[in-house]
Amino acid sequence: MPPTTAVGVGSIVKVTNLDPTRIFRGMWDLAEYVIPPGVTEFMPFEAMKLFFGDPRSTDTVRSSRDSKGLVAFLPDRAGEVRRLRLLYNHGFGDYSGKEGPDVVWEQNKIPHVAVYTIDDQLILTVLDDPAGRSVLPAVATQAEEADLRETVVRQGRLLQSLMDRLGVQSLDDLADRKNVYDPETDEIIPEPKPPVTEPEMYDELPEDR
């Protein structure tokens, strides 16, 4: 069962080296991660998915949008299996992952680790589950949600400030609005509307046709 805690880009996870003899070594973002046998270390979610496969990957390539509106692509599970086989120096073999870990992986070449959330919920990586039977939901972290709320509030304030400068009450007021340059103030101002005068004599009224 996938963790109930939101985990994704920007999260920190715990990684335990289950191998009794081999040290795990990995490099990500100019930082080296070294985990001796039986030891647990912390690392970013991004480093974990590089070393052990993205647990959010499914049968198809999907897109995900972060809190700043940037779109990233989540790889498919078969693509992650092929990438990890190359990363850990496996021989030729076009496996999809459905064959199971005993067929897909050469056990003496891959790291044997257990990955957990900060509150000790197990995350099954692609190394654990190449077939993708337990997929981690691609959800925003609490930090991303907070950033999104802050972005929405900030954009709302900027929009309100612009509307105040233009002297409008709503966006609908901009539909029939035309701005012109005022050389006296060196600013862009609303185009003045011609004054409306009431007719003073009957002969100024439009004729009935």
N, C-alpha and C. Protein backbone atom coordinates (compact mmCIF):
# COMPACT_ATOMS: atom_id res chain seq x y z
N MET A 1 0.86 -1.20 0.00
CA MET A 1 0.00 0.00 0.00
C MET A 1 0.88 1.24 0.00
N PRO A 2 0.66 2.21 -0.92
CA PRO A 2 1.48 3.41 -0.96
C PRO A 2 1.35 4.21 0.33
N PRO A 3 2.36 5.03 0.67
CA PRO A 3 2.30 5.85 1.88
C PRO A 3 1.13 6.83 1.84
N THR A 4 0.58 7.11 3.01
CA THR A 4 -0.50 8.09 3.09
C THR A 4 0.04 9.50 3.17
N THR A 5 1.32 9.65 3.55
CA THR A 5 1.95 10.96 3.60
C THR A 5 2.33 11.40 2.20
N ALA A 6 2.07 12.69 1.88
CA ALA A 6 2.43 13.21 0.56
C ALA A 6 3.94 13.23 0.40
N VAL A 7 4.43 12.59 -0.65
CA VAL A 7 5.87 12.52 -0.91
C VAL A 7 6.10 12.85 -2.37
N GLY A 8 7.11 13.65 -2.65
CA GLY A 8 7.42 14.01 -4.03
C GLY A 8 8.60 14.93 -4.08
N VAL A 9 8.73 15.67 -5.18
CA VAL A 9 9.86 16.58 -5.36
C VAL A 9 9.90 17.58 -4.22
N GLY A 10 11.05 17.73 -3.60
CA GLY A 10 11.20 18.61 -2.44
C GLY A 10 11.12 17.89 -1.12
N SER A 11 10.70 16.62 -1.12
CA SER A 11 10.61 15.84 0.11
C SER A 11 11.96 15.22 0.46
N ILE A 12 12.10 14.85 1.70
CA ILE A 12 13.27 14.12 2.19
C ILE A 12 12.82 12.71 2.58
N VAL A 13 13.60 11.71 2.18
CA VAL A 13 13.28 10.33 2.51
C VAL A 13 14.45 9.70 3.26
N LYS A 14 14.16 8.56 3.88
CA LYS A 14 15.19 7.80 4.59
C LYS A 14 15.52 6.54 3.80
N VAL A 15 16.79 6.23 3.68
CA VAL A 15 17.24 5.06 2.93
C VAL A 15 18.11 4.20 3.82
N THR A 16 17.72 2.93 3.97
CA THR A 16 18.49 1.97 4.77
C THR A 16 19.17 0.97 3.84
N ASN A 17 20.48 0.80 4.02
CA ASN A 17 21.22 -0.17 3.22
C ASN A 17 21.04 -1.55 3.83
N LEU A 18 20.33 -2.42 3.11
CA LEU A 18 20.02 -3.76 3.62
C LEU A 18 21.11 -4.78 3.28
N ASP A 19 22.05 -4.40 2.42
CA ASP A 19 23.10 -5.34 2.03
C ASP A 19 24.06 -5.58 3.21
N PRO A 20 24.36 -6.83 3.52
CA PRO A 20 25.20 -7.11 4.70
C PRO A 20 26.68 -6.78 4.51
N THR A 21 27.11 -6.61 3.25
CA THR A 21 28.55 -6.42 3.03
C THR A 21 28.89 -5.21 2.16
N ARG A 22 28.03 -4.81 1.24
CA ARG A 22 28.39 -3.77 0.28
C ARG A 22 27.97 -2.39 0.75
N ILE A 23 28.83 -1.41 0.51
CA ILE A 23 28.53 -0.01 0.78
C ILE A 23 27.83 0.58 -0.43
N PHE A 24 26.76 1.35 -0.20
CA PHE A 24 26.10 2.03 -1.31
C PHE A 24 26.74 3.40 -1.50
N ARG A 25 27.06 3.73 -2.76
CA ARG A 25 27.60 5.04 -3.11
C ARG A 25 26.82 5.59 -4.29
N GLY A 26 26.44 6.84 -4.20
CA GLY A 26 25.74 7.50 -5.29
C GLY A 26 26.03 8.98 -5.30
N MET A 27 26.00 9.60 -6.47
CA MET A 27 26.27 11.03 -6.62
C MET A 27 25.07 11.71 -7.24
N TRP A 28 24.63 12.80 -6.63
CA TRP A 28 23.53 13.59 -7.17
C TRP A 28 23.73 15.04 -6.78
N ASP A 29 23.62 15.94 -7.75
CA ASP A 29 23.69 17.37 -7.52
C ASP A 29 24.98 17.75 -6.77
N LEU A 30 26.10 17.18 -7.20
CA LEU A 30 27.43 17.44 -6.65
C LEU A 30 27.59 16.96 -5.20
N ALA A 31 26.66 16.16 -4.74
CA ALA A 31 26.75 15.60 -3.39
C ALA A 31 26.86 14.08 -3.48
N GLU A 32 27.78 13.50 -2.69
CA GLU A 32 27.96 12.05 -2.68
C GLU A 32 27.22 11.47 -1.48
N TYR A 33 26.49 10.41 -1.73
CA TYR A 33 25.75 9.72 -0.68
C TYR A 33 26.40 8.35 -0.45
N VAL A 34 26.88 8.14 0.76
CA VAL A 34 27.56 6.90 1.14
C VAL A 34 26.81 6.28 2.32
N ILE A 35 26.32 5.04 2.11
CA ILE A 35 25.55 4.36 3.16
C ILE A 35 26.18 3.01 3.43
N PRO A 36 26.84 2.83 4.56
CA PRO A 36 27.41 1.53 4.91
C PRO A 36 26.32 0.50 5.18
N PRO A 37 26.66 -0.77 5.20
CA PRO A 37 25.67 -1.82 5.49
C PRO A 37 24.95 -1.59 6.82
N GLY A 38 23.64 -1.72 6.79
CA GLY A 38 22.84 -1.59 8.01
C GLY A 38 22.61 -0.17 8.48
N VAL A 39 23.09 0.82 7.76
CA VAL A 39 22.98 2.22 8.18
C VAL A 39 21.86 2.91 7.41
N THR A 40 21.20 3.85 8.06
CA THR A 40 20.13 4.65 7.45
C THR A 40 20.60 6.08 7.27
N GLU A 41 20.39 6.63 6.09
CA GLU A 41 20.76 8.01 5.80
C GLU A 41 19.56 8.72 5.16
N PHE A 42 19.60 10.06 5.24
CA PHE A 42 18.56 10.88 4.62
C PHE A 42 19.06 11.38 3.27
N MET A 43 18.13 11.52 2.32
CA MET A 43 18.48 12.09 1.01
C MET A 43 17.23 12.69 0.38
N PRO A 44 17.41 13.63 -0.57
CA PRO A 44 16.25 14.21 -1.25
C PRO A 44 15.54 13.17 -2.11
N PHE A 45 14.25 13.40 -2.31
CA PHE A 45 13.45 12.52 -3.16
C PHE A 45 14.06 12.41 -4.56
N GLU A 46 14.59 13.53 -5.07
CA GLU A 46 15.16 13.53 -6.42
C GLU A 46 16.34 12.58 -6.52
N ALA A 47 17.20 12.55 -5.49
CA ALA A 47 18.35 11.64 -5.50
C ALA A 47 17.87 10.19 -5.39
N MET A 48 16.89 9.95 -4.54
CA MET A 48 16.37 8.59 -4.36
C MET A 48 15.82 8.02 -5.66
N LYS A 49 15.04 8.83 -6.39
CA LYS A 49 14.45 8.30 -7.64
C LYS A 49 15.50 8.10 -8.72
N LEU A 50 16.60 8.85 -8.65
CA LEU A 50 17.70 8.62 -9.58
C LEU A 50 18.37 7.28 -9.30
N PHE A 51 18.63 7.00 -8.04
CA PHE A 51 19.36 5.78 -7.66
C PHE A 51 18.51 4.52 -7.74
N PHE A 52 17.24 4.63 -7.36
CA PHE A 52 16.41 3.43 -7.19
C PHE A 52 15.17 3.39 -8.06
N GLY A 53 14.95 4.42 -8.87
CA GLY A 53 13.80 4.45 -9.77
C GLY A 53 12.66 5.27 -9.19
N ASP A 54 11.94 5.95 -10.07
CA ASP A 54 10.84 6.83 -9.64
C ASP A 54 9.63 5.98 -9.25
N PRO A 55 9.25 5.98 -7.97
CA PRO A 55 8.10 5.17 -7.54
C PRO A 55 6.76 5.68 -8.06
N ARG A 56 6.75 6.85 -8.69
CA ARG A 56 5.51 7.40 -9.25
C ARG A 56 5.26 6.92 -10.67
N SER A 57 6.24 6.24 -11.29
CA SER A 57 6.13 5.84 -12.69
C SER A 57 5.09 4.76 -12.89
N THR A 58 4.33 4.88 -13.99
CA THR A 58 3.28 3.91 -14.32
C THR A 58 3.56 3.34 -15.71
N ASP A 59 2.55 2.79 -16.35
CA ASP A 59 2.73 2.18 -17.68
C ASP A 59 2.90 3.22 -18.78
N THR A 60 2.55 4.46 -18.51
CA THR A 60 2.63 5.51 -19.53
C THR A 60 3.40 6.72 -19.00
N VAL A 61 3.93 7.50 -19.92
CA VAL A 61 4.58 8.76 -19.56
C VAL A 61 3.51 9.78 -19.21
N ARG A 62 3.67 10.45 -18.09
CA ARG A 62 2.69 11.44 -17.66
C ARG A 62 3.38 12.77 -17.39
N SER A 63 2.60 13.82 -17.28
CA SER A 63 3.14 15.14 -16.95
C SER A 63 2.69 15.54 -15.55
N SER A 64 3.52 16.36 -14.92
CA SER A 64 3.21 16.84 -13.58
C SER A 64 3.59 18.31 -13.52
N ARG A 65 2.75 19.13 -12.92
CA ARG A 65 3.00 20.57 -12.81
C ARG A 65 3.35 20.92 -11.37
N ASP A 66 4.48 21.63 -11.19
CA ASP A 66 4.88 21.99 -9.83
C ASP A 66 4.20 23.27 -9.39
N SER A 67 4.56 23.75 -8.18
CA SER A 67 3.88 24.90 -7.59
C SER A 67 4.13 26.18 -8.36
N LYS A 68 5.21 26.25 -9.14
CA LYS A 68 5.53 27.44 -9.91
C LYS A 68 5.01 27.35 -11.35
N GLY A 69 4.26 26.30 -11.63
CA GLY A 69 3.66 26.16 -12.95
C GLY A 69 4.54 25.48 -13.97
N LEU A 70 5.72 25.01 -13.56
CA LEU A 70 6.61 24.33 -14.49
C LEU A 70 6.16 22.89 -14.68
N VAL A 71 6.16 22.46 -15.92
CA VAL A 71 5.70 21.11 -16.24
C VAL A 71 6.90 20.18 -16.36
N ALA A 72 6.81 19.06 -15.68
CA ALA A 72 7.84 18.02 -15.77
C ALA A 72 7.15 16.72 -16.19
N PHE A 73 7.92 15.83 -16.79
CA PHE A 73 7.37 14.56 -17.25
C PHE A 73 7.80 13.43 -16.33
N LEU A 74 6.83 12.60 -15.94
CA LEU A 74 7.11 11.42 -15.15
C LEU A 74 7.35 10.25 -16.09
N PRO A 75 8.48 9.56 -15.95
CA PRO A 75 8.79 8.48 -16.89
C PRO A 75 7.85 7.29 -16.71
N ASP A 76 7.78 6.47 -17.75
CA ASP A 76 7.01 5.24 -17.62
C ASP A 76 7.86 4.18 -16.90
N ARG A 77 7.19 3.16 -16.37
CA ARG A 77 7.88 2.15 -15.55
C ARG A 77 8.90 1.35 -16.37
N ALA A 78 8.54 0.99 -17.59
CA ALA A 78 9.48 0.24 -18.43
C ALA A 78 10.73 1.06 -18.74
N GLY A 79 10.55 2.37 -18.95
CA GLY A 79 11.69 3.24 -19.20
C GLY A 79 12.61 3.32 -17.99
N GLU A 80 12.03 3.35 -16.80
CA GLU A 80 12.84 3.36 -15.58
C GLU A 80 13.59 2.05 -15.40
N VAL A 81 12.95 0.94 -15.75
CA VAL A 81 13.62 -0.37 -15.65
C VAL A 81 14.85 -0.39 -16.57
N ARG A 82 14.68 0.06 -17.81
CA ARG A 82 15.80 0.07 -18.75
C ARG A 82 16.91 1.01 -18.28
N ARG A 83 16.54 2.17 -17.73
CA ARG A 83 17.55 3.12 -17.25
C ARG A 83 18.35 2.53 -16.10
N LEU A 84 17.68 1.87 -15.15
CA LEU A 84 18.37 1.29 -14.00
C LEU A 84 19.25 0.12 -14.42
N ARG A 85 18.83 -0.64 -15.42
CA ARG A 85 19.67 -1.73 -15.91
C ARG A 85 20.97 -1.19 -16.50
N LEU A 86 20.89 -0.06 -17.20
CA LEU A 86 22.10 0.57 -17.71
C LEU A 86 22.94 1.16 -16.57
N LEU A 87 22.28 1.79 -15.61
CA LEU A 87 22.98 2.41 -14.49
C LEU A 87 23.79 1.40 -13.71
N TYR A 88 23.24 0.22 -13.51
CA TYR A 88 23.91 -0.80 -12.70
C TYR A 88 24.53 -1.91 -13.55
N ASN A 89 24.92 -1.54 -14.80
CA ASN A 89 25.78 -2.37 -15.62
C ASN A 89 25.22 -3.77 -15.86
N HIS A 90 23.95 -3.84 -16.23
CA HIS A 90 23.35 -5.12 -16.59
C HIS A 90 23.65 -5.44 -18.05
N GLY A 91 23.48 -6.68 -18.39
CA GLY A 91 23.68 -7.10 -19.77
C GLY A 91 22.51 -6.72 -20.64
N PHE A 92 22.57 -7.14 -21.90
CA PHE A 92 21.51 -6.82 -22.85
C PHE A 92 20.19 -7.48 -22.42
N GLY A 93 19.12 -6.76 -22.60
CA GLY A 93 17.80 -7.31 -22.29
C GLY A 93 16.76 -6.22 -22.27
N ASP A 94 15.77 -6.31 -23.14
CA ASP A 94 14.73 -5.30 -23.22
C ASP A 94 13.56 -5.74 -22.36
N TYR A 95 13.66 -5.47 -21.07
CA TYR A 95 12.63 -5.91 -20.13
C TYR A 95 11.67 -4.76 -19.83
N SER A 96 10.42 -5.09 -19.62
CA SER A 96 9.41 -4.09 -19.29
C SER A 96 9.22 -3.94 -17.79
N GLY A 97 9.69 -4.90 -17.01
CA GLY A 97 9.46 -4.90 -15.58
C GLY A 97 8.41 -5.89 -15.15
N LYS A 98 7.52 -6.25 -16.10
CA LYS A 98 6.45 -7.19 -15.78
C LYS A 98 7.00 -8.58 -15.46
N GLU A 99 8.24 -8.84 -15.88
CA GLU A 99 8.82 -10.16 -15.66
C GLU A 99 9.13 -10.43 -14.18
N GLY A 100 9.17 -9.37 -13.38
CA GLY A 100 9.44 -9.54 -11.95
C GLY A 100 10.90 -9.26 -11.62
N PRO A 101 11.18 -8.91 -10.36
CA PRO A 101 12.54 -8.51 -9.98
C PRO A 101 13.59 -9.60 -10.15
N ASP A 102 13.23 -10.85 -9.95
CA ASP A 102 14.21 -11.93 -10.07
C ASP A 102 14.68 -12.12 -11.50
N VAL A 103 13.86 -11.75 -12.48
CA VAL A 103 14.25 -11.86 -13.89
C VAL A 103 14.90 -10.57 -14.38
N VAL A 104 14.35 -9.43 -13.96
CA VAL A 104 14.81 -8.14 -14.47
C VAL A 104 16.19 -7.76 -13.92
N TRP A 105 16.42 -8.02 -12.63
CA TRP A 105 17.66 -7.56 -11.98
C TRP A 105 18.66 -8.69 -11.79
N GLU A 106 19.93 -8.31 -11.87
CA GLU A 106 21.01 -9.17 -11.44
C GLU A 106 21.33 -8.76 -9.99
N GLN A 107 20.97 -9.60 -9.06
CA GLN A 107 20.95 -9.23 -7.66
C GLN A 107 22.31 -8.82 -7.11
N ASN A 108 23.38 -9.30 -7.72
CA ASN A 108 24.71 -8.94 -7.23
C ASN A 108 25.18 -7.58 -7.74
N LYS A 109 24.35 -6.92 -8.58
CA LYS A 109 24.76 -5.63 -9.13
C LYS A 109 23.93 -4.46 -8.61
N ILE A 110 22.70 -4.72 -8.22
CA ILE A 110 21.85 -3.61 -7.77
C ILE A 110 22.02 -3.38 -6.27
N PRO A 111 21.76 -2.15 -5.80
CA PRO A 111 21.77 -1.91 -4.36
C PRO A 111 20.53 -2.53 -3.71
N HIS A 112 20.71 -3.01 -2.49
CA HIS A 112 19.59 -3.57 -1.72
C HIS A 112 19.28 -2.61 -0.59
N VAL A 113 18.21 -1.85 -0.78
CA VAL A 113 17.87 -0.80 0.17
C VAL A 113 16.39 -0.84 0.49
N ALA A 114 16.03 -0.15 1.54
CA ALA A 114 14.63 0.08 1.89
C ALA A 114 14.45 1.59 2.04
N VAL A 115 13.44 2.12 1.40
CA VAL A 115 13.20 3.57 1.41
C VAL A 115 11.93 3.85 2.21
N TYR A 116 12.02 4.85 3.09
CA TYR A 116 10.90 5.20 3.96
C TYR A 116 10.65 6.71 3.91
N THR A 117 9.41 7.08 4.20
CA THR A 117 9.10 8.49 4.43
C THR A 117 9.66 8.89 5.79
N ILE A 118 9.57 10.19 6.07
CA ILE A 118 10.09 10.68 7.35
C ILE A 118 9.37 10.03 8.53
N ASP A 119 8.07 9.69 8.34
CA ASP A 119 7.31 9.04 9.42
C ASP A 119 7.28 7.52 9.24
N ASP A 120 8.32 6.97 8.60
CA ASP A 120 8.57 5.52 8.55
C ASP A 120 7.54 4.71 7.76
N GLN A 121 6.97 5.30 6.71
CA GLN A 121 6.11 4.54 5.82
C GLN A 121 6.95 4.05 4.63
N LEU A 122 6.85 2.77 4.32
CA LEU A 122 7.67 2.17 3.28
C LEU A 122 7.27 2.67 1.89
N ILE A 123 8.27 3.01 1.08
CA ILE A 123 8.08 3.39 -0.32
C ILE A 123 8.70 2.30 -1.19
N LEU A 124 7.90 1.69 -2.04
CA LEU A 124 8.42 0.67 -2.95
C LEU A 124 8.96 1.35 -4.20
N THR A 125 10.27 1.23 -4.42
CA THR A 125 10.90 1.83 -5.58
C THR A 125 10.77 0.90 -6.79
N VAL A 126 11.33 1.33 -7.92
CA VAL A 126 11.31 0.49 -9.12
C VAL A 126 12.19 -0.74 -8.91
N LEU A 127 13.24 -0.63 -8.13
CA LEU A 127 14.05 -1.81 -7.82
C LEU A 127 13.23 -2.84 -7.05
N ASP A 128 12.37 -2.38 -6.15
CA ASP A 128 11.51 -3.29 -5.38
C ASP A 128 10.38 -3.85 -6.24
N ASP A 129 9.82 -2.99 -7.07
CA ASP A 129 8.57 -3.32 -7.78
C ASP A 129 8.68 -2.91 -9.25
N PRO A 130 9.48 -3.61 -10.04
CA PRO A 130 9.62 -3.22 -11.45
C PRO A 130 8.32 -3.32 -12.25
N ALA A 131 7.39 -4.16 -11.82
CA ALA A 131 6.13 -4.31 -12.53
C ALA A 131 5.17 -3.15 -12.29
N GLY A 132 5.42 -2.36 -11.25
CA GLY A 132 4.56 -1.21 -10.96
C GLY A 132 3.23 -1.57 -10.33
N ARG A 133 3.23 -2.56 -9.46
CA ARG A 133 1.97 -2.96 -8.80
C ARG A 133 1.61 -2.01 -7.66
N SER A 134 2.60 -1.31 -7.13
CA SER A 134 2.34 -0.34 -6.07
C SER A 134 2.99 0.98 -6.48
N VAL A 135 2.17 1.91 -6.97
CA VAL A 135 2.67 3.17 -7.51
C VAL A 135 2.43 4.29 -6.51
N LEU A 136 3.46 5.11 -6.30
CA LEU A 136 3.33 6.25 -5.42
C LEU A 136 2.57 7.35 -6.14
N PRO A 137 1.49 7.87 -5.56
CA PRO A 137 0.72 8.93 -6.24
C PRO A 137 1.59 10.15 -6.48
N ALA A 138 1.40 10.78 -7.63
CA ALA A 138 2.11 12.02 -7.96
C ALA A 138 1.32 13.17 -7.39
N VAL A 139 1.59 13.50 -6.13
CA VAL A 139 0.85 14.56 -5.44
C VAL A 139 1.83 15.62 -4.99
N ALA A 140 1.30 16.82 -4.78
CA ALA A 140 2.13 17.92 -4.31
C ALA A 140 2.43 17.76 -2.83
N THR A 141 3.63 18.16 -2.43
CA THR A 141 3.98 18.14 -1.02
C THR A 141 3.33 19.33 -0.32
N GLN A 142 3.36 19.32 1.02
CA GLN A 142 2.79 20.43 1.76
C GLN A 142 3.52 21.73 1.43
N ALA A 143 4.84 21.65 1.22
CA ALA A 143 5.61 22.84 0.87
C ALA A 143 5.18 23.38 -0.49
N GLU A 144 4.94 22.49 -1.45
CA GLU A 144 4.50 22.92 -2.78
C GLU A 144 3.12 23.55 -2.71
N GLU A 145 2.23 22.97 -1.90
CA GLU A 145 0.89 23.54 -1.76
C GLU A 145 0.96 24.92 -1.13
N ALA A 146 1.85 25.10 -0.14
CA ALA A 146 2.00 26.41 0.48
C ALA A 146 2.55 27.42 -0.52
N ASP A 147 3.52 26.99 -1.36
CA ASP A 147 4.06 27.87 -2.38
C ASP A 147 2.98 28.25 -3.39
N LEU A 148 2.12 27.29 -3.74
CA LEU A 148 1.04 27.57 -4.69
C LEU A 148 0.07 28.59 -4.12
N ARG A 149 -0.30 28.43 -2.85
CA ARG A 149 -1.21 29.40 -2.23
C ARG A 149 -0.57 30.78 -2.20
N GLU A 150 0.71 30.83 -1.87
CA GLU A 150 1.41 32.12 -1.82
C GLU A 150 1.46 32.77 -3.20
N THR A 151 1.68 31.96 -4.23
CA THR A 151 1.72 32.48 -5.60
C THR A 151 0.37 33.05 -6.01
N VAL A 152 -0.71 32.33 -5.67
CA VAL A 152 -2.05 32.80 -6.02
C VAL A 152 -2.36 34.12 -5.31
N VAL A 153 -2.00 34.21 -4.03
CA VAL A 153 -2.24 35.45 -3.27
C VAL A 153 -1.44 36.59 -3.86
N ARG A 154 -0.17 36.34 -4.20
CA ARG A 154 0.68 37.38 -4.76
C ARG A 154 0.15 37.87 -6.10
N GLN A 155 -0.28 36.94 -6.95
CA GLN A 155 -0.83 37.33 -8.25
C GLN A 155 -2.12 38.12 -8.08
N GLY A 156 -2.92 37.73 -7.09
CA GLY A 156 -4.15 38.46 -6.84
C GLY A 156 -3.88 39.90 -6.41
N ARG A 157 -2.83 40.09 -5.60
CA ARG A 157 -2.48 41.45 -5.16
C ARG A 157 -1.97 42.29 -6.32
N LEU A 158 -1.17 41.67 -7.20
CA LEU A 158 -0.66 42.40 -8.37
C LEU A 158 -1.80 42.79 -9.30
N LEU A 159 -2.76 41.87 -9.49
CA LEU A 159 -3.90 42.16 -10.35
C LEU A 159 -4.75 43.28 -9.76
N GLN A 160 -4.97 43.26 -8.45
CA GLN A 160 -5.76 44.31 -7.81
C GLN A 160 -5.06 45.66 -7.90
N SER A 161 -3.72 45.64 -7.75
CA SER A 161 -2.96 46.88 -7.87
C SER A 161 -3.07 47.45 -9.27
N LEU A 162 -3.01 46.59 -10.29
CA LEU A 162 -3.15 47.05 -11.67
C LEU A 162 -4.54 47.61 -11.93
N MET A 163 -5.57 46.95 -11.41
CA MET A 163 -6.93 47.43 -11.60
C MET A 163 -7.13 48.78 -10.91
N ASP A 164 -6.50 48.95 -9.74
CA ASP A 164 -6.61 50.24 -9.03
C ASP A 164 -5.96 51.36 -9.85
N ARG A 165 -4.82 51.05 -10.47
CA ARG A 165 -4.14 52.07 -11.27
C ARG A 165 -4.95 52.43 -12.50
N LEU A 166 -5.65 51.45 -13.07
CA LEU A 166 -6.47 51.71 -14.25
C LEU A 166 -7.84 52.27 -13.91
N GLY A 167 -8.18 52.26 -12.64
CA GLY A 167 -9.46 52.79 -12.22
C GLY A 167 -10.65 51.95 -12.62
N VAL A 168 -10.50 50.63 -12.58
CA VAL A 168 -11.60 49.74 -12.93
C VAL A 168 -11.96 48.90 -11.73
N GLN A 169 -13.21 48.45 -11.71
CA GLN A 169 -13.70 47.65 -10.60
C GLN A 169 -13.59 46.16 -10.86
N SER A 170 -13.63 45.76 -12.14
CA SER A 170 -13.55 44.35 -12.48
C SER A 170 -12.91 44.20 -13.85
N LEU A 171 -12.55 42.98 -14.18
CA LEU A 171 -11.96 42.73 -15.49
C LEU A 171 -12.94 42.99 -16.62
N ASP A 172 -14.23 42.88 -16.34
CA ASP A 172 -15.23 43.14 -17.37
C ASP A 172 -15.18 44.59 -17.85
N ASP A 173 -14.73 45.51 -16.95
CA ASP A 173 -14.67 46.92 -17.32
C ASP A 173 -13.61 47.19 -18.38
N LEU A 174 -12.67 46.25 -18.55
CA LEU A 174 -11.60 46.45 -19.52
C LEU A 174 -12.02 46.10 -20.94
N ALA A 175 -13.19 45.45 -21.11
CA ALA A 175 -13.59 44.97 -22.42
C ALA A 175 -13.75 46.11 -23.41
N ASP A 176 -14.41 47.22 -22.99
CA ASP A 176 -14.68 48.35 -23.88
C ASP A 176 -13.74 49.51 -23.61
N ARG A 177 -12.66 49.25 -22.90
CA ARG A 177 -11.76 50.32 -22.50
C ARG A 177 -10.64 50.48 -23.52
N LYS A 178 -10.29 51.75 -23.84
CA LYS A 178 -9.17 52.04 -24.73
C LYS A 178 -8.26 53.06 -24.06
N ASN A 179 -6.98 52.76 -24.01
CA ASN A 179 -6.02 53.65 -23.37
C ASN A 179 -5.26 54.44 -24.43
N VAL A 180 -4.89 55.67 -24.06
CA VAL A 180 -4.13 56.55 -24.96
C VAL A 180 -2.99 57.16 -24.17
N TYR A 181 -2.02 57.69 -24.91
CA TYR A 181 -0.86 58.33 -24.28
C TYR A 181 -1.16 59.79 -24.01
N ASP A 182 -0.89 60.25 -22.79
CA ASP A 182 -1.09 61.65 -22.41
C ASP A 182 0.29 62.32 -22.33
N PRO A 183 0.64 63.17 -23.29
CA PRO A 183 1.97 63.80 -23.28
C PRO A 183 2.19 64.72 -22.08
N GLU A 184 1.12 65.29 -21.53
CA GLU A 184 1.27 66.21 -20.41
C GLU A 184 1.75 65.49 -19.14
N THR A 185 1.23 64.29 -18.92
CA THR A 185 1.62 63.54 -17.72
C THR A 185 2.61 62.44 -18.02
N ASP A 186 2.88 62.21 -19.34
CA ASP A 186 3.79 61.14 -19.77
C ASP A 186 3.31 59.79 -19.23
N GLU A 187 2.00 59.55 -19.29
CA GLU A 187 1.43 58.31 -18.80
C GLU A 187 0.38 57.81 -19.80
N ILE A 188 0.05 56.52 -19.66
CA ILE A 188 -1.04 55.94 -20.42
C ILE A 188 -2.31 56.10 -19.60
N ILE A 189 -3.32 56.74 -20.18
CA ILE A 189 -4.55 57.03 -19.46
C ILE A 189 -5.73 56.53 -20.27
N PRO A 190 -6.89 56.36 -19.63
CA PRO A 190 -8.09 55.98 -20.40
C PRO A 190 -8.45 57.06 -21.41
N GLU A 191 -8.89 56.64 -22.56
CA GLU A 191 -9.28 57.59 -23.59
C GLU A 191 -10.49 58.41 -23.11
N PRO A 192 -10.37 59.74 -23.12
CA PRO A 192 -11.51 60.56 -22.65
C PRO A 192 -12.74 60.34 -23.52
N LYS A 193 -13.86 60.28 -22.88
CA LYS A 193 -15.11 60.13 -23.63
C LYS A 193 -15.67 61.51 -23.96
N PRO A 194 -16.21 61.69 -25.15
CA PRO A 194 -16.77 63.01 -25.51
C PRO A 194 -17.95 63.33 -24.61
N PRO A 195 -18.05 64.60 -24.23
CA PRO A 195 -19.16 64.98 -23.35
C PRO A 195 -20.51 64.81 -24.03
N VAL A 196 -21.49 64.45 -23.27
CA VAL A 196 -22.85 64.26 -23.77
C VAL A 196 -23.67 65.49 -23.39
N THR A 197 -24.20 66.18 -24.37
CA THR A 197 -25.01 67.39 -24.11
C THR A 197 -26.46 67.14 -24.48
N GLU A 198 -27.33 67.76 -23.73
CA GLU A 198 -28.75 67.66 -24.00
C GLU A 198 -29.14 68.70 -25.06
N PRO A 199 -29.99 68.31 -25.99
CA PRO A 199 -30.43 69.30 -27.00
C PRO A 199 -31.20 70.45 -26.36
N GLU A 200 -30.93 71.68 -26.85
CA GLU A 200 -31.58 72.86 -26.28
C GLU A 200 -32.83 73.26 -27.08
N MET A 201 -32.90 72.89 -28.34
CA MET A 201 -34.03 73.26 -29.17
C MET A 201 -34.59 72.03 -29.84
N TYR A 202 -35.87 72.11 -30.19
CA TYR A 202 -36.51 70.97 -30.80
C TYR A 202 -35.93 70.60 -32.14
N ASP A 203 -35.41 71.62 -32.87
CA ASP A 203 -34.88 71.28 -34.18
C ASP A 203 -33.55 70.57 -34.12
N GLU A 204 -32.99 70.43 -32.90
CA GLU A 204 -31.76 69.68 -32.73
C GLU A 204 -32.03 68.20 -32.52
N LEU A 205 -33.28 67.86 -32.31
CA LEU A 205 -33.64 66.48 -32.13
C LEU A 205 -33.59 65.73 -33.48
N PRO A 206 -33.24 64.47 -33.47
CA PRO A 206 -33.22 63.73 -34.73
C PRO A 206 -34.62 63.59 -35.31
N GLU A 207 -34.72 63.70 -36.63
CA GLU A 207 -36.00 63.62 -37.29
C GLU A 207 -36.52 62.19 -37.27
N ASP A 208 -37.82 62.07 -37.19
CA ASP A 208 -38.44 60.74 -37.30
C ASP A 208 -38.46 60.35 -38.76
N ARG A 209 -38.09 59.16 -39.05
CA ARG A 209 -38.05 58.69 -40.43
C ARG A 209 -38.87 57.43 -40.55
